[in-house]
Amino acid sequence: MNKGHQMAGTEIAAKIGIVSDNKKDMPLVARNVSDHSATMVSKVFRLATKRQGRLTLSDIVIESGLGLKEAERFMDSLVDGLHVQIEVDAKDLINYEFPEIQARLNDLKE
């Protein structure tokens, strides 16, 4: 992970209007996300593996065919603070990070 500011999934959920379950305080349903299919999630995770566990919104738009706003809503709906996190780097660029994938890739390097 970089030295940027990590935002919790619940912070992002509140900012983008994701409905939360008060018991778990985890995003359940994203408003206006048209394609939350298993296929799309799988595509994003495969792409994250190819990109060392870090994606930008531009990566998602280019590879998925989604529009910019739709891709942003889709990715933000995946942010849970555990499997997918948002990092803001020193240049204020947003990266979607996948800690499990990053850890696996680091283990392979060792």
C-alpha atoms as a PDB file:
ATOM      1  CA  MET A   1       0.000   0.000   0.000  1.00  0.00           C
ATOM      2  CA  ASN A   2       1.238   3.495  -0.696  1.00  0.00           C
ATOM      3  CA  LYS A   3       1.605   6.351   1.751  1.00  0.00           C
ATOM      4  CA  GLY A   4      -1.683   7.948   0.653  1.00  0.00           C
ATOM      5  CA  HIS A   5      -4.741   8.366   2.770  1.00  0.00           C
ATOM      6  CA  GLN A   6      -6.816   5.230   3.154  1.00  0.00           C
ATOM      7  CA  MET A   7     -10.560   5.770   3.233  1.00  0.00           C
ATOM      8  CA  ALA A   8     -12.791   3.271   4.980  1.00  0.00           C
ATOM      9  CA  GLY A   9     -15.528   1.624   2.970  1.00  0.00           C
ATOM     10  CA  THR A  10     -18.181   3.176   5.167  1.00  0.00           C
ATOM     11  CA  GLU A  11     -16.795   6.681   4.510  1.00  0.00           C
ATOM     12  CA  ILE A  12     -16.961   6.086   0.782  1.00  0.00           C
ATOM     13  CA  ALA A  13     -20.402   4.501   1.116  1.00  0.00           C
ATOM     14  CA  ALA A  14     -21.709   7.598   2.841  1.00  0.00           C
ATOM     15  CA  LYS A  15     -20.224   9.889   0.203  1.00  0.00           C
ATOM     16  CA  ILE A  16     -21.609   8.008  -2.796  1.00  0.00           C
ATOM     17  CA  GLY A  17     -24.991   7.087  -1.365  1.00  0.00           C
ATOM     18  CA  ILE A  18     -24.614   3.381  -0.749  1.00  0.00           C
ATOM     19  CA  VAL A  19     -27.285   1.876   1.452  1.00  0.00           C
ATOM     20  CA  SER A  20     -25.718   0.298   4.552  1.00  0.00           C
ATOM     21  CA  ASP A  21     -26.702  -2.381   7.005  1.00  0.00           C
ATOM     22  CA  ASN A  22     -26.445  -0.776  10.451  1.00  0.00           C
ATOM     23  CA  LYS A  23     -25.425  -4.075  12.071  1.00  0.00           C
ATOM     24  CA  LYS A  24     -22.353  -4.587   9.933  1.00  0.00           C
ATOM     25  CA  ASP A  25     -21.986  -1.039   8.598  1.00  0.00           C
ATOM     26  CA  MET A  26     -20.969  -2.512   5.248  1.00  0.00           C
ATOM     27  CA  PRO A  27     -22.299  -1.510   1.830  1.00  0.00           C
ATOM     28  CA  LEU A  28     -25.143  -3.712   0.673  1.00  0.00           C
ATOM     29  CA  VAL A  29     -26.710  -2.078  -2.361  1.00  0.00           C
ATOM     30  CA  ALA A  30     -25.333   0.659  -4.546  1.00  0.00           C
ATOM     31  CA  ARG A  31     -27.853   3.035  -6.032  1.00  0.00           C
ATOM     32  CA  ASN A  32     -27.886   3.362  -9.829  1.00  0.00           C
ATOM     33  CA  VAL A  33     -25.340   0.628 -10.498  1.00  0.00           C
ATOM     34  CA  SER A  34     -26.752  -1.183 -13.478  1.00  0.00           C
ATOM     35  CA  ASP A  35     -24.348  -4.109 -13.784  1.00  0.00           C
ATOM     36  CA  HIS A  36     -23.299  -5.757 -10.549  1.00  0.00           C
ATOM     37  CA  SER A  37     -23.061  -9.177 -12.121  1.00  0.00           C
ATOM     38  CA  ALA A  38     -20.632 -11.844 -11.021  1.00  0.00           C
ATOM     39  CA  THR A  39     -19.088 -11.638 -14.484  1.00  0.00           C
ATOM     40  CA  MET A  40     -18.274  -7.963 -14.098  1.00  0.00           C
ATOM     41  CA  VAL A  41     -16.830  -8.458 -10.613  1.00  0.00           C
ATOM     42  CA  SER A  42     -14.734 -11.321 -11.942  1.00  0.00           C
ATOM     43  CA  LYS A  43     -13.428  -9.143 -14.805  1.00  0.00           C
ATOM     44  CA  VAL A  44     -12.387  -6.432 -12.364  1.00  0.00           C
ATOM     45  CA  PHE A  45     -10.556  -8.857 -10.085  1.00  0.00           C
ATOM     46  CA  ARG A  46      -8.751 -10.444 -13.067  1.00  0.00           C
ATOM     47  CA  LEU A  47      -7.719  -6.989 -14.236  1.00  0.00           C
ATOM     48  CA  ALA A  48      -6.520  -6.143 -10.717  1.00  0.00           C
ATOM     49  CA  THR A  49      -4.351  -9.260 -10.793  1.00  0.00           C
ATOM     50  CA  LYS A  50      -2.802  -8.143 -14.078  1.00  0.00           C
ATOM     51  CA  ARG A  51      -2.194  -4.651 -12.669  1.00  0.00           C
ATOM     52  CA  GLN A  52      -0.450  -5.687  -9.431  1.00  0.00           C
ATOM     53  CA  GLY A  53      -3.560  -5.236  -7.275  1.00  0.00           C
ATOM     54  CA  ARG A  54      -4.092  -1.564  -8.059  1.00  0.00           C
ATOM     55  CA  LEU A  55      -6.535  -0.043 -10.548  1.00  0.00           C
ATOM     56  CA  THR A  56      -7.512   3.441 -11.562  1.00  0.00           C
ATOM     57  CA  LEU A  57     -10.919   4.427 -12.806  1.00  0.00           C
ATOM     58  CA  SER A  58      -9.421   4.830 -16.276  1.00  0.00           C
ATOM     59  CA  ASP A  59      -8.298   1.177 -16.187  1.00  0.00           C
ATOM     60  CA  ILE A  60     -11.871   0.110 -15.443  1.00  0.00           C
ATOM     61  CA  VAL A  61     -13.388   2.271 -18.179  1.00  0.00           C
ATOM     62  CA  ILE A  62     -10.908   1.061 -20.794  1.00  0.00           C
ATOM     63  CA  GLU A  63     -11.239  -2.633 -19.967  1.00  0.00           C
ATOM     64  CA  SER A  64     -14.932  -2.868 -19.076  1.00  0.00           C
ATOM     65  CA  GLY A  65     -16.623  -0.684 -21.643  1.00  0.00           C
ATOM     66  CA  LEU A  66     -18.560   1.072 -18.869  1.00  0.00           C
ATOM     67  CA  GLY A  67     -19.002   4.815 -18.951  1.00  0.00           C
ATOM     68  CA  LEU A  68     -17.007   6.919 -16.512  1.00  0.00           C
ATOM     69  CA  LYS A  69     -19.818   7.590 -14.019  1.00  0.00           C
ATOM     70  CA  GLU A  70     -21.122   4.024 -14.198  1.00  0.00           C
ATOM     71  CA  ALA A  71     -17.627   2.610 -13.670  1.00  0.00           C
ATOM     72  CA  GLU A  72     -17.098   4.901 -10.691  1.00  0.00           C
ATOM     73  CA  ARG A  73     -20.390   3.859  -9.072  1.00  0.00           C
ATOM     74  CA  PHE A  74     -19.635   0.214  -9.767  1.00  0.00           C
ATOM     75  CA  MET A  75     -16.151   0.350  -8.261  1.00  0.00           C
ATOM     76  CA  ASP A  76     -17.262   2.373  -5.275  1.00  0.00           C
ATOM     77  CA  SER A  77     -19.952  -0.234  -4.632  1.00  0.00           C
ATOM     78  CA  LEU A  78     -17.202  -2.878  -4.362  1.00  0.00           C
ATOM     79  CA  VAL A  79     -15.249  -0.940  -1.739  1.00  0.00           C
ATOM     80  CA  ASP A  80     -15.610  -2.735   1.571  1.00  0.00           C
ATOM     81  CA  GLY A  81     -12.368  -1.730   3.283  1.00  0.00           C
ATOM     82  CA  LEU A  82     -11.196  -5.339   3.279  1.00  0.00           C
ATOM     83  CA  HIS A  83     -11.193  -6.842  -0.215  1.00  0.00           C
ATOM     84  CA  VAL A  84     -11.275  -3.552  -2.104  1.00  0.00           C
ATOM     85  CA  GLN A  85      -9.979  -0.287  -0.698  1.00  0.00           C
ATOM     86  CA  ILE A  86      -9.627   3.243  -1.983  1.00  0.00           C
ATOM     87  CA  GLU A  87      -6.263   4.932  -1.683  1.00  0.00           C
ATOM     88  CA  VAL A  88      -5.654   8.568  -2.495  1.00  0.00           C
ATOM     89  CA  ASP A  89      -2.011   9.060  -3.430  1.00  0.00           C
ATOM     90  CA  ALA A  90       0.225  12.098  -2.936  1.00  0.00           C
ATOM     91  CA  LYS A  91      -0.996  13.523  -6.269  1.00  0.00           C
ATOM     92  CA  ASP A  92      -4.639  13.152  -5.155  1.00  0.00           C
ATOM     93  CA  LEU A  93      -5.202  10.354  -7.668  1.00  0.00           C
ATOM     94  CA  ILE A  94      -7.671   7.675  -6.634  1.00  0.00           C
ATOM     95  CA  ASN A  95      -6.551   4.055  -6.786  1.00  0.00           C
ATOM     96  CA  TYR A  96      -8.687   1.031  -6.074  1.00  0.00           C
ATOM     97  CA  GLU A  97      -6.509  -1.455  -4.234  1.00  0.00           C
ATOM     98  CA  PHE A  98      -7.008  -5.180  -3.732  1.00  0.00           C
ATOM     99  CA  PRO A  99      -4.994  -6.177  -0.620  1.00  0.00           C
ATOM    100  CA  GLU A 100      -5.476  -9.949  -1.027  1.00  0.00           C
ATOM    101  CA  ILE A 101      -4.173  -9.822  -4.579  1.00  0.00           C
ATOM    102  CA  GLN A 102      -1.276  -7.578  -3.563  1.00  0.00           C
ATOM    103  CA  ALA A 103      -0.351  -9.957  -0.725  1.00  0.00           C
ATOM    104  CA  ARG A 104      -0.465 -12.981  -3.026  1.00  0.00           C
ATOM    105  CA  LEU A 105       1.735 -11.253  -5.598  1.00  0.00           C
ATOM    106  CA  ASN A 106       4.205 -10.215  -2.891  1.00  0.00           C
ATOM    107  CA  ASP A 107       4.375 -13.810  -1.638  1.00  0.00           C
ATOM    108  CA  LEU A 108       5.190 -14.986  -5.155  1.00  0.00           C
ATOM    109  CA  LYS A 109       8.072 -12.504  -5.365  1.00  0.00           C
ATOM    110  CA  GLU A 110       9.694 -13.849  -2.190  1.00  0.00           C
END
